[in-house]
Full PDB file with SEQRES, HELIX, SHEET, SSBOND, CRYST1, ORIGX, SCALE, CONECT and MASTER records, all heavy atoms in Angstrom:
SEQRES   1 A   33  GLY THR ALA ALA GLY PRO HIS PRO TYR PRO GLU LEU VAL          
SEQRES   2 A   33  ARG ASP PHE GLN SER VAL ILE GLY THR GLU ALA ARG ALA          
SEQRES   3 A   33  GLN ILE LEU GLU GLN GLU GLY                                  
HELIX    1 AA1 TYR A    9  GLN A   17  1                                   9    
HELIX    2 AA2 VAL A   19  GLU A   32  1                                  14    
CRYST1    1.000    1.000    1.000  90.00  90.00  90.00 P 1           1          
ORIGX1      1.000000  0.000000  0.000000        0.00000                         
ORIGX2      0.000000  1.000000  0.000000        0.00000                         
ORIGX3      0.000000  0.000000  1.000000        0.00000                         
SCALE1      1.000000  0.000000  0.000000        0.00000                         
SCALE2      0.000000  1.000000  0.000000        0.00000                         
SCALE3      0.000000  0.000000  1.000000        0.00000                         
ATOM      1  N   GLY A   1      72.587 118.498  88.528  1.00  0.00           N  
ATOM      2  CA  GLY A   1      73.294 117.779  87.468  1.00  0.00           C  
ATOM      3  C   GLY A   1      74.835 117.936  87.465  1.00  0.00           C  
ATOM      4  O   GLY A   1      75.523 117.166  86.842  1.00  0.00           O  
ATOM      5  N   THR A   2      75.327 118.946  88.213  1.00  0.00           N  
ATOM      6  CA  THR A   2      76.712 119.188  88.107  1.00  0.00           C  
ATOM      7  C   THR A   2      77.352 119.271  89.516  1.00  0.00           C  
ATOM      8  O   THR A   2      76.641 119.270  90.524  1.00  0.00           O  
ATOM      9  CB  THR A   2      77.029 120.474  87.312  1.00  0.00           C  
ATOM     10  OG1 THR A   2      78.428 120.568  86.930  1.00  0.00           O  
ATOM     11  CG2 THR A   2      76.604 121.794  88.148  1.00  0.00           C  
ATOM     12  N   ALA A   3      78.657 119.289  89.561  1.00  0.00           N  
ATOM     13  CA  ALA A   3      79.402 119.249  90.846  1.00  0.00           C  
ATOM     14  C   ALA A   3      79.490 120.596  91.465  1.00  0.00           C  
ATOM     15  O   ALA A   3      80.517 121.054  91.979  1.00  0.00           O  
ATOM     16  CB  ALA A   3      80.772 118.664  90.661  1.00  0.00           C  
ATOM     17  N   ALA A   4      78.380 121.339  91.433  1.00  0.00           N  
ATOM     18  CA  ALA A   4      78.283 122.681  91.987  1.00  0.00           C  
ATOM     19  C   ALA A   4      77.106 122.729  92.940  1.00  0.00           C  
ATOM     20  O   ALA A   4      76.449 121.680  93.253  1.00  0.00           O  
ATOM     21  CB  ALA A   4      78.181 123.772  90.957  1.00  0.00           C  
ATOM     22  N   GLY A   5      76.668 123.918  93.389  1.00  0.00           N  
ATOM     23  CA  GLY A   5      75.528 124.035  94.275  1.00  0.00           C  
ATOM     24  C   GLY A   5      75.979 123.977  95.740  1.00  0.00           C  
ATOM     25  O   GLY A   5      77.201 123.801  96.009  1.00  0.00           O  
ATOM     26  N   PRO A   6      75.032 124.026  96.675  1.00  0.00           N  
ATOM     27  CA  PRO A   6      75.370 123.977  98.066  1.00  0.00           C  
ATOM     28  C   PRO A   6      75.803 122.549  98.525  1.00  0.00           C  
ATOM     29  O   PRO A   6      75.312 121.562  97.974  1.00  0.00           O  
ATOM     30  CB  PRO A   6      74.063 124.391  98.771  1.00  0.00           C  
ATOM     31  CG  PRO A   6      73.003 123.961  97.792  1.00  0.00           C  
ATOM     32  CD  PRO A   6      73.582 124.150  96.468  1.00  0.00           C  
ATOM     33  N   HIS A   7      76.706 122.522  99.490  1.00  0.00           N  
ATOM     34  CA  HIS A   7      77.083 121.233 100.097  1.00  0.00           C  
ATOM     35  C   HIS A   7      75.830 120.561 100.635  1.00  0.00           C  
ATOM     36  O   HIS A   7      75.006 121.191 101.231  1.00  0.00           O  
ATOM     37  CB  HIS A   7      78.083 121.482 101.277  1.00  0.00           C  
ATOM     38  CG  HIS A   7      78.548 120.274 101.988  1.00  0.00           C  
ATOM     39  ND1 HIS A   7      79.351 119.339 101.371  1.00  0.00           N  
ATOM     40  CD2 HIS A   7      78.307 119.795 103.250  1.00  0.00           C  
ATOM     41  CE1 HIS A   7      79.570 118.386 102.281  1.00  0.00           C  
ATOM     42  NE2 HIS A   7      78.956 118.653 103.446  1.00  0.00           N  
ATOM     43  N   PRO A   8      75.676 119.204 100.386  1.00  0.00           N  
ATOM     44  CA  PRO A   8      76.650 118.203  99.948  1.00  0.00           C  
ATOM     45  C   PRO A   8      76.654 117.914  98.484  1.00  0.00           C  
ATOM     46  O   PRO A   8      77.300 116.952  98.023  1.00  0.00           O  
ATOM     47  CB  PRO A   8      76.235 116.999 100.733  1.00  0.00           C  
ATOM     48  CG  PRO A   8      74.738 117.069 100.714  1.00  0.00           C  
ATOM     49  CD  PRO A   8      74.420 118.553 100.861  1.00  0.00           C  
ATOM     50  N   TYR A   9      75.993 118.672  97.628  1.00  0.00           N  
ATOM     51  CA  TYR A   9      75.924 118.383  96.169  1.00  0.00           C  
ATOM     52  C   TYR A   9      77.281 118.171  95.506  1.00  0.00           C  
ATOM     53  O   TYR A   9      77.476 117.202  94.799  1.00  0.00           O  
ATOM     54  CB  TYR A   9      75.035 119.389  95.414  1.00  0.00           C  
ATOM     55  CG  TYR A   9      73.565 119.133  95.635  1.00  0.00           C  
ATOM     56  CD1 TYR A   9      72.799 119.964  96.393  1.00  0.00           C  
ATOM     57  CD2 TYR A   9      72.931 118.048  94.995  1.00  0.00           C  
ATOM     58  CE1 TYR A   9      71.404 119.768  96.562  1.00  0.00           C  
ATOM     59  CE2 TYR A   9      71.579 117.840  95.190  1.00  0.00           C  
ATOM     60  CZ  TYR A   9      70.866 118.695  95.929  1.00  0.00           C  
ATOM     61  OH  TYR A   9      69.504 118.498  96.061  1.00  0.00           O  
ATOM     62  N   PRO A  10      78.219 119.111  95.659  1.00  0.00           N  
ATOM     63  CA  PRO A  10      79.514 118.984  94.965  1.00  0.00           C  
ATOM     64  C   PRO A  10      80.220 117.625  95.359  1.00  0.00           C  
ATOM     65  O   PRO A  10      80.777 117.003  94.479  1.00  0.00           O  
ATOM     66  CB  PRO A  10      80.328 120.153  95.416  1.00  0.00           C  
ATOM     67  CG  PRO A  10      79.329 121.215  95.725  1.00  0.00           C  
ATOM     68  CD  PRO A  10      78.163 120.469  96.377  1.00  0.00           C  
ATOM     69  N   GLU A  11      80.058 117.259  96.588  1.00  0.00           N  
ATOM     70  CA  GLU A  11      80.708 116.000  97.016  1.00  0.00           C  
ATOM     71  C   GLU A  11      79.956 114.775  96.549  1.00  0.00           C  
ATOM     72  O   GLU A  11      80.620 113.855  95.926  1.00  0.00           O  
ATOM     73  CB  GLU A  11      80.773 115.972  98.595  1.00  0.00           C  
ATOM     74  CG  GLU A  11      81.306 114.679  99.111  1.00  0.00           C  
ATOM     75  CD  GLU A  11      81.190 114.433 100.618  1.00  0.00           C  
ATOM     76  OE1 GLU A  11      80.685 115.366 101.257  1.00  0.00           O  
ATOM     77  OE2 GLU A  11      81.620 113.408 101.086  1.00  0.00           O  
ATOM     78  N   LEU A  12      78.707 114.776  96.590  1.00  0.00           N  
ATOM     79  CA  LEU A  12      77.907 113.554  96.240  1.00  0.00           C  
ATOM     80  C   LEU A  12      77.948 113.358  94.729  1.00  0.00           C  
ATOM     81  O   LEU A  12      78.054 112.225  94.241  1.00  0.00           O  
ATOM     82  CB  LEU A  12      76.574 113.534  96.871  1.00  0.00           C  
ATOM     83  CG  LEU A  12      75.431 114.481  96.406  1.00  0.00           C  
ATOM     84  CD1 LEU A  12      74.740 113.978  95.176  1.00  0.00           C  
ATOM     85  CD2 LEU A  12      74.485 114.668  97.574  1.00  0.00           C  
ATOM     86  N   VAL A  13      77.833 114.457  93.976  1.00  0.00           N  
ATOM     87  CA  VAL A  13      77.926 114.360  92.514  1.00  0.00           C  
ATOM     88  C   VAL A  13      79.296 113.863  92.116  1.00  0.00           C  
ATOM     89  O   VAL A  13      79.416 112.989  91.267  1.00  0.00           O  
ATOM     90  CB  VAL A  13      77.632 115.677  91.809  1.00  0.00           C  
ATOM     91  CG1 VAL A  13      77.923 115.634  90.342  1.00  0.00           C  
ATOM     92  CG2 VAL A  13      76.151 116.096  92.085  1.00  0.00           C  
ATOM     93  N   ARG A  14      80.365 114.383  92.756  1.00  0.00           N  
ATOM     94  CA  ARG A  14      81.747 113.930  92.456  1.00  0.00           C  
ATOM     95  C   ARG A  14      81.828 112.380  92.740  1.00  0.00           C  
ATOM     96  O   ARG A  14      82.400 111.656  91.942  1.00  0.00           O  
ATOM     97  CB  ARG A  14      82.730 114.698  93.313  1.00  0.00           C  
ATOM     98  CG  ARG A  14      84.161 114.182  93.201  1.00  0.00           C  
ATOM     99  CD  ARG A  14      85.003 114.545  94.373  1.00  0.00           C  
ATOM    100  NE  ARG A  14      84.588 113.855  95.611  1.00  0.00           N  
ATOM    101  CZ  ARG A  14      85.012 114.111  96.799  1.00  0.00           C  
ATOM    102  NH1 ARG A  14      85.758 115.273  97.015  1.00  0.00           N  
ATOM    103  NH2 ARG A  14      84.651 113.422  97.871  1.00  0.00           N  
ATOM    104  N   ASP A  15      81.362 111.949  93.869  1.00  0.00           N  
ATOM    105  CA  ASP A  15      81.495 110.545  94.267  1.00  0.00           C  
ATOM    106  C   ASP A  15      80.677 109.694  93.308  1.00  0.00           C  
ATOM    107  O   ASP A  15      81.172 108.576  92.943  1.00  0.00           O  
ATOM    108  CB  ASP A  15      81.012 110.372  95.675  1.00  0.00           C  
ATOM    109  CG  ASP A  15      82.062 110.889  96.726  1.00  0.00           C  
ATOM    110  OD1 ASP A  15      83.160 111.385  96.295  1.00  0.00           O  
ATOM    111  OD2 ASP A  15      81.847 110.778  97.870  1.00  0.00           O  
ATOM    112  N   PHE A  16      79.503 110.063  92.878  1.00  0.00           N  
ATOM    113  CA  PHE A  16      78.753 109.254  91.880  1.00  0.00           C  
ATOM    114  C   PHE A  16      79.444 109.273  90.579  1.00  0.00           C  
ATOM    115  O   PHE A  16      79.436 108.275  89.859  1.00  0.00           O  
ATOM    116  CB  PHE A  16      77.368 109.752  91.695  1.00  0.00           C  
ATOM    117  CG  PHE A  16      76.396 109.581  92.904  1.00  0.00           C  
ATOM    118  CD1 PHE A  16      75.510 110.508  93.330  1.00  0.00           C  
ATOM    119  CD2 PHE A  16      76.480 108.365  93.627  1.00  0.00           C  
ATOM    120  CE1 PHE A  16      74.740 110.317  94.433  1.00  0.00           C  
ATOM    121  CE2 PHE A  16      75.663 108.150  94.757  1.00  0.00           C  
ATOM    122  CZ  PHE A  16      74.795 109.099  95.122  1.00  0.00           C  
ATOM    123  N   GLN A  17      80.138 110.335  90.195  1.00  0.00           N  
ATOM    124  CA  GLN A  17      80.809 110.420  88.903  1.00  0.00           C  
ATOM    125  C   GLN A  17      82.252 109.810  88.891  1.00  0.00           C  
ATOM    126  O   GLN A  17      82.779 109.483  87.853  1.00  0.00           O  
ATOM    127  CB  GLN A  17      80.841 111.822  88.379  1.00  0.00           C  
ATOM    128  CG  GLN A  17      79.517 112.438  87.957  1.00  0.00           C  
ATOM    129  CD  GLN A  17      78.950 111.814  86.723  1.00  0.00           C  
ATOM    130  OE1 GLN A  17      79.396 110.788  86.220  1.00  0.00           O  
ATOM    131  NE2 GLN A  17      77.824 112.343  86.326  1.00  0.00           N  
ATOM    132  N   SER A  18      82.777 109.592  90.072  1.00  0.00           N  
ATOM    133  CA  SER A  18      84.120 109.082  90.230  1.00  0.00           C  
ATOM    134  C   SER A  18      84.252 107.676  89.692  1.00  0.00           C  
ATOM    135  O   SER A  18      85.411 107.204  89.430  1.00  0.00           O  
ATOM    136  CB  SER A  18      84.567 109.068  91.692  1.00  0.00           C  
ATOM    137  OG  SER A  18      84.908 110.408  92.065  1.00  0.00           O  
ATOM    138  N   VAL A  19      83.123 107.036  89.355  1.00  0.00           N  
ATOM    139  CA  VAL A  19      83.214 105.696  88.682  1.00  0.00           C  
ATOM    140  C   VAL A  19      83.940 105.846  87.363  1.00  0.00           C  
ATOM    141  O   VAL A  19      84.602 104.901  86.940  1.00  0.00           O  
ATOM    142  CB  VAL A  19      81.768 105.188  88.491  1.00  0.00           C  
ATOM    143  CG1 VAL A  19      80.981 105.999  87.558  1.00  0.00           C  
ATOM    144  CG2 VAL A  19      81.846 103.701  88.024  1.00  0.00           C  
ATOM    145  N   ILE A  20      83.883 107.018  86.684  1.00  0.00           N  
ATOM    146  CA  ILE A  20      84.593 107.262  85.468  1.00  0.00           C  
ATOM    147  C   ILE A  20      86.069 107.015  85.591  1.00  0.00           C  
ATOM    148  O   ILE A  20      86.707 106.321  84.934  1.00  0.00           O  
ATOM    149  CB  ILE A  20      84.312 108.621  84.882  1.00  0.00           C  
ATOM    150  CG1 ILE A  20      82.803 108.872  84.654  1.00  0.00           C  
ATOM    151  CG2 ILE A  20      85.046 108.900  83.601  1.00  0.00           C  
ATOM    152  CD1 ILE A  20      82.416 110.346  84.347  1.00  0.00           C  
ATOM    153  N   GLY A  21      86.662 107.838  86.561  1.00  0.00           N  
ATOM    154  CA  GLY A  21      88.098 107.729  86.770  1.00  0.00           C  
ATOM    155  C   GLY A  21      88.577 106.439  87.344  1.00  0.00           C  
ATOM    156  O   GLY A  21      89.608 105.925  87.045  1.00  0.00           O  
ATOM    157  N   THR A  22      87.748 105.828  88.253  1.00  0.00           N  
ATOM    158  CA  THR A  22      88.099 104.584  88.817  1.00  0.00           C  
ATOM    159  C   THR A  22      88.250 103.454  87.764  1.00  0.00           C  
ATOM    160  O   THR A  22      89.190 102.742  87.760  1.00  0.00           O  
ATOM    161  CB  THR A  22      87.026 104.161  89.892  1.00  0.00           C  
ATOM    162  OG1 THR A  22      86.956 105.150  90.921  1.00  0.00           O  
ATOM    163  CG2 THR A  22      87.333 102.775  90.558  1.00  0.00           C  
ATOM    164  N   GLU A  23      87.198 103.467  86.877  1.00  0.00           N  
ATOM    165  CA  GLU A  23      87.293 102.503  85.729  1.00  0.00           C  
ATOM    166  C   GLU A  23      88.463 102.782  84.840  1.00  0.00           C  
ATOM    167  O   GLU A  23      89.208 101.877  84.447  1.00  0.00           O  
ATOM    168  CB  GLU A  23      85.992 102.556  84.908  1.00  0.00           C  
ATOM    169  CG  GLU A  23      84.816 101.945  85.646  1.00  0.00           C  
ATOM    170  CD  GLU A  23      83.487 101.992  84.832  1.00  0.00           C  
ATOM    171  OE1 GLU A  23      83.592 102.599  83.687  1.00  0.00           O  
ATOM    172  OE2 GLU A  23      82.426 101.660  85.327  1.00  0.00           O  
ATOM    173  N   ALA A  24      88.559 104.056  84.437  1.00  0.00           N  
ATOM    174  CA  ALA A  24      89.683 104.472  83.535  1.00  0.00           C  
ATOM    175  C   ALA A  24      91.051 104.097  83.997  1.00  0.00           C  
ATOM    176  O   ALA A  24      91.961 103.555  83.302  1.00  0.00           O  
ATOM    177  CB  ALA A  24      89.618 105.924  83.197  1.00  0.00           C  
ATOM    178  N   ARG A  25      91.202 104.276  85.334  1.00  0.00           N  
ATOM    179  CA  ARG A  25      92.510 103.977  85.941  1.00  0.00           C  
ATOM    180  C   ARG A  25      92.841 102.441  85.912  1.00  0.00           C  
ATOM    181  O   ARG A  25      93.936 102.044  85.511  1.00  0.00           O  
ATOM    182  CB  ARG A  25      92.486 104.413  87.439  1.00  0.00           C  
ATOM    183  CG  ARG A  25      93.855 104.587  88.058  1.00  0.00           C  
ATOM    184  CD  ARG A  25      93.630 105.192  89.465  1.00  0.00           C  
ATOM    185  NE  ARG A  25      94.984 105.451  90.043  1.00  0.00           N  
ATOM    186  CZ  ARG A  25      95.742 104.533  90.557  1.00  0.00           C  
ATOM    187  NH1 ARG A  25      95.330 103.266  90.572  1.00  0.00           N  
ATOM    188  NH2 ARG A  25      96.922 104.829  91.058  1.00  0.00           N  
ATOM    189  N   ALA A  26      91.830 101.655  86.166  1.00  0.00           N  
ATOM    190  CA  ALA A  26      92.005 100.182  86.167  1.00  0.00           C  
ATOM    191  C   ALA A  26      92.153  99.765  84.652  1.00  0.00           C  
ATOM    192  O   ALA A  26      93.030  98.819  84.371  1.00  0.00           O  
ATOM    193  CB  ALA A  26      90.784  99.482  86.779  1.00  0.00           C  
ATOM    194  N   GLN A  27      91.405 100.345  83.801  1.00  0.00           N  
ATOM    195  CA  GLN A  27      91.432  99.929  82.366  1.00  0.00           C  
ATOM    196  C   GLN A  27      92.792 100.265  81.702  1.00  0.00           C  
ATOM    197  O   GLN A  27      93.297  99.392  80.931  1.00  0.00           O  
ATOM    198  CB  GLN A  27      90.289 100.566  81.628  1.00  0.00           C  
ATOM    199  CG  GLN A  27      88.922  99.994  81.999  1.00  0.00           C  
ATOM    200  CD  GLN A  27      87.804 100.858  81.522  1.00  0.00           C  
ATOM    201  OE1 GLN A  27      87.866 102.142  81.448  1.00  0.00           O  
ATOM    202  NE2 GLN A  27      86.640 100.282  81.176  1.00  0.00           N  
ATOM    203  N   ILE A  28      93.327 101.415  81.970  1.00  0.00           N  
ATOM    204  CA  ILE A  28      94.587 101.752  81.321  1.00  0.00           C  
ATOM    205  C   ILE A  28      95.707 100.928  81.920  1.00  0.00           C  
ATOM    206  O   ILE A  28      96.673 100.529  81.176  1.00  0.00           O  
ATOM    207  CB  ILE A  28      94.935 103.296  81.419  1.00  0.00           C  
ATOM    208  CG1 ILE A  28      95.938 103.678  80.398  1.00  0.00           C  
ATOM    209  CG2 ILE A  28      95.380 103.688  82.820  1.00  0.00           C  
ATOM    210  CD1 ILE A  28      95.444 103.585  78.942  1.00  0.00           C  
ATOM    211  N   LEU A  29      95.690 100.589  83.183  1.00  0.00           N  
ATOM    212  CA  LEU A  29      96.694  99.672  83.772  1.00  0.00           C  
ATOM    213  C   LEU A  29      96.611  98.324  83.133  1.00  0.00           C  
ATOM    214  O   LEU A  29      97.589  97.667  82.854  1.00  0.00           O  
ATOM    215  CB  LEU A  29      96.440  99.559  85.295  1.00  0.00           C  
ATOM    216  CG  LEU A  29      96.880 100.760  86.117  1.00  0.00           C  
ATOM    217  CD1 LEU A  29      96.369 100.646  87.567  1.00  0.00           C  
ATOM    218  CD2 LEU A  29      98.437 100.938  86.065  1.00  0.00           C  
ATOM    219  N   GLU A  30      95.347  97.847  82.801  1.00  0.00           N  
ATOM    220  CA  GLU A  30      95.179  96.557  82.136  1.00  0.00           C  
ATOM    221  C   GLU A  30      95.686  96.636  80.673  1.00  0.00           C  
ATOM    222  O   GLU A  30      96.384  95.689  80.227  1.00  0.00           O  
ATOM    223  CB  GLU A  30      93.694  96.161  82.189  1.00  0.00           C  
ATOM    224  CG  GLU A  30      93.456  94.795  81.588  1.00  0.00           C  
ATOM    225  CD  GLU A  30      91.990  94.449  81.596  1.00  0.00           C  
ATOM    226  OE1 GLU A  30      91.229  95.071  82.304  1.00  0.00           O  
ATOM    227  OE2 GLU A  30      91.603  93.417  80.916  1.00  0.00           O  
ATOM    228  N   GLN A  31      95.410  97.699  79.988  1.00  0.00           N  
ATOM    229  CA  GLN A  31      95.690  97.816  78.568  1.00  0.00           C  
ATOM    230  C   GLN A  31      97.129  98.190  78.279  1.00  0.00           C  
ATOM    231  O   GLN A  31      97.702  97.704  77.291  1.00  0.00           O  
ATOM    232  CB  GLN A  31      94.722  98.734  77.892  1.00  0.00           C  
ATOM    233  CG  GLN A  31      93.264  98.205  77.842  1.00  0.00           C  
ATOM    234  CD  GLN A  31      92.298  99.123  77.135  1.00  0.00           C  
ATOM    235  OE1 GLN A  31      92.645  99.671  76.086  1.00  0.00           O  
ATOM    236  NE2 GLN A  31      91.147  99.373  77.663  1.00  0.00           N  
ATOM    237  N   GLU A  32      97.711  99.048  79.084  1.00  0.00           N  
ATOM    238  CA  GLU A  32      99.032  99.580  78.842  1.00  0.00           C  
ATOM    239  C   GLU A  32     100.025  99.211  79.908  1.00  0.00           C  
ATOM    240  O   GLU A  32     101.249  99.440  79.739  1.00  0.00           O  
ATOM    241  CB  GLU A  32      98.909 101.100  78.674  1.00  0.00           C  
ATOM    242  CG  GLU A  32      98.269 101.561  77.443  1.00  0.00           C  
ATOM    243  CD  GLU A  32      99.153 101.471  76.171  1.00  0.00           C  
ATOM    244  OE1 GLU A  32     100.381 101.146  76.319  1.00  0.00           O  
ATOM    245  OE2 GLU A  32      98.658 101.717  75.054  1.00  0.00           O  
ATOM    246  N   GLY A  33      99.527  98.757  81.034  1.00  0.00           N  
ATOM    247  CA  GLY A  33     100.460  98.337  82.112  1.00  0.00           C  
ATOM    248  C   GLY A  33     101.009  99.473  82.912  1.00  0.00           C  
ATOM    249  O   GLY A  33     101.878  99.318  83.718  1.00  0.00           O  
TER     250      GLY A  33                                                      
MASTER        0    0    0    2    0    0    0    6  249    1    0    3          
END                                                                             
């Protein structure tokens, strides 16, 4: 469940969760410029 454990878990969990930051980055650019 978390970005720990043996490789490749930290990488794959990070990549699946990066949707959070990818969306937030686009959304703040849209809302605040």
